[in-house]
């Protein structure tokens, strides 16, 4: 099972709702929206096919992108998903 995430960053805040709807069509889970970063992201199983589909759909909707890509999860992402909280860099295991 792929853990790749599709991340889309739009140029305009007003495009976030449409970008979220497009991402929702190609992801395997509920998309997350970071309004401050103008970013929509979600897990994908189709890899490049999901990315290609999203690019086409966003272009059809007239959405201008600042960035788009497939991202692999970092160790921090995995830790957060497993524990529900971020790792504290000051903590040292005994």
Protein backbone atom coordinates (compact mmCIF):
# COMPACT_ATOMS: atom_id res chain seq x y z
CA UNK A 1 0.00 0.00 0.00
CA UNK A 2 1.44 3.34 -1.05
CA UNK A 3 1.82 6.09 1.52
CA UNK A 4 2.40 8.81 -1.06
CA UNK A 5 0.56 12.09 -0.61
CA UNK A 6 -0.57 14.45 -3.31
CA UNK A 7 0.15 18.06 -2.36
CA UNK A 8 -1.29 20.99 -4.26
CA UNK A 9 -0.43 24.61 -3.51
CA UNK A 10 -2.64 27.17 -5.25
CA UNK A 11 -1.75 30.74 -6.16
CA UNK A 12 -4.98 32.27 -4.83
CA UNK A 13 -6.80 31.66 -1.54
CA UNK A 14 -10.11 31.76 -3.41
CA UNK A 15 -9.11 28.61 -5.35
CA UNK A 16 -8.83 26.41 -2.24
CA UNK A 17 -12.42 25.06 -2.30
CA UNK A 18 -12.17 23.96 -5.95
CA UNK A 19 -8.67 22.55 -5.40
CA UNK A 20 -9.98 20.60 -2.39
CA UNK A 21 -12.81 19.13 -4.49
CA UNK A 22 -10.36 18.10 -7.24
CA UNK A 23 -7.95 16.51 -4.75
CA UNK A 24 -10.86 14.68 -3.09
CA UNK A 25 -11.61 12.95 -6.41
CA UNK A 26 -8.13 11.41 -6.68
CA UNK A 27 -7.20 10.72 -3.05
CA UNK A 28 -8.01 7.67 -0.95
CA UNK A 29 -8.85 9.70 2.14
CA UNK A 30 -10.26 13.04 3.18
CA UNK A 31 -8.05 15.89 1.90
CA UNK A 32 -6.42 18.20 4.44
CA UNK A 33 -6.48 21.95 3.81
CA UNK A 34 -3.84 24.34 5.17
CA UNK A 35 -5.34 27.73 4.40
CA UNK A 36 -2.27 29.68 5.52
CA UNK A 37 -0.04 27.78 3.10
CA UNK A 38 -2.80 27.58 0.42
CA UNK A 39 -2.14 23.81 0.38
CA UNK A 40 -4.45 20.84 -0.11
CA UNK A 41 -3.09 17.34 0.42
CA UNK A 42 -4.27 13.78 0.73
CA UNK A 43 -3.14 10.15 0.46
CA UNK A 44 -3.07 8.59 -3.00
CA UNK A 45 -2.79 5.02 -4.19
CA UNK A 46 -2.33 5.76 -7.89
CA UNK A 47 0.96 7.65 -7.66
CA UNK A 48 1.78 9.33 -10.96
CA UNK A 49 -1.68 8.55 -12.40
CA UNK A 50 -3.30 10.45 -9.50
CA UNK A 51 -0.89 13.34 -9.99
CA UNK A 52 -1.59 13.47 -13.73
CA UNK A 53 -5.35 13.36 -13.16
CA UNK A 54 -5.16 16.16 -10.62
CA UNK A 55 -3.04 18.35 -12.92
CA UNK A 56 -5.54 17.92 -15.76
CA UNK A 57 -8.57 18.58 -13.56
CA UNK A 58 -7.00 21.64 -11.95
CA UNK A 59 -6.07 23.03 -15.38
CA UNK A 60 -9.63 22.39 -16.62
CA UNK A 61 -10.92 24.38 -13.63
CA UNK A 62 -8.52 27.27 -14.38
CA UNK A 63 -6.64 26.86 -11.10
CA UNK A 64 -3.16 28.44 -11.10
CA UNK A 65 -0.67 26.39 -9.11
CA UNK A 66 2.33 27.48 -7.07
CA UNK A 67 3.38 23.83 -6.61
CA UNK A 68 2.13 20.28 -7.05
CA UNK A 69 3.77 16.96 -6.34
CA UNK A 70 3.81 13.53 -4.80
CA UNK A 71 5.46 13.45 -1.40
CA UNK A 72 6.70 10.49 0.59
CA UNK A 73 6.03 10.73 4.32
CA UNK A 74 8.86 11.84 6.58
CA UNK A 75 9.69 10.06 9.82
CA UNK A 76 7.90 12.90 11.64
CA UNK A 77 4.77 12.26 9.53
CA UNK A 78 4.86 8.56 10.39
CA UNK A 79 5.39 9.28 14.10
CA UNK A 80 2.48 11.73 14.11
CA UNK A 81 0.18 9.23 12.38
CA UNK A 82 1.13 6.45 14.83
CA UNK A 83 1.07 8.45 18.06
CA UNK A 84 -1.25 11.35 17.35
CA UNK A 85 1.33 13.96 18.37
CA UNK A 86 4.57 15.41 17.08
CA UNK A 87 7.93 14.22 18.36
CA UNK A 88 9.58 16.54 20.89
CA UNK A 89 13.17 17.10 19.72
CA UNK A 90 14.19 17.79 23.32
CA UNK A 91 13.04 14.36 24.55
CA UNK A 92 15.69 11.72 24.94
CA UNK A 93 14.80 8.06 25.37
CA UNK A 94 16.30 6.53 28.49
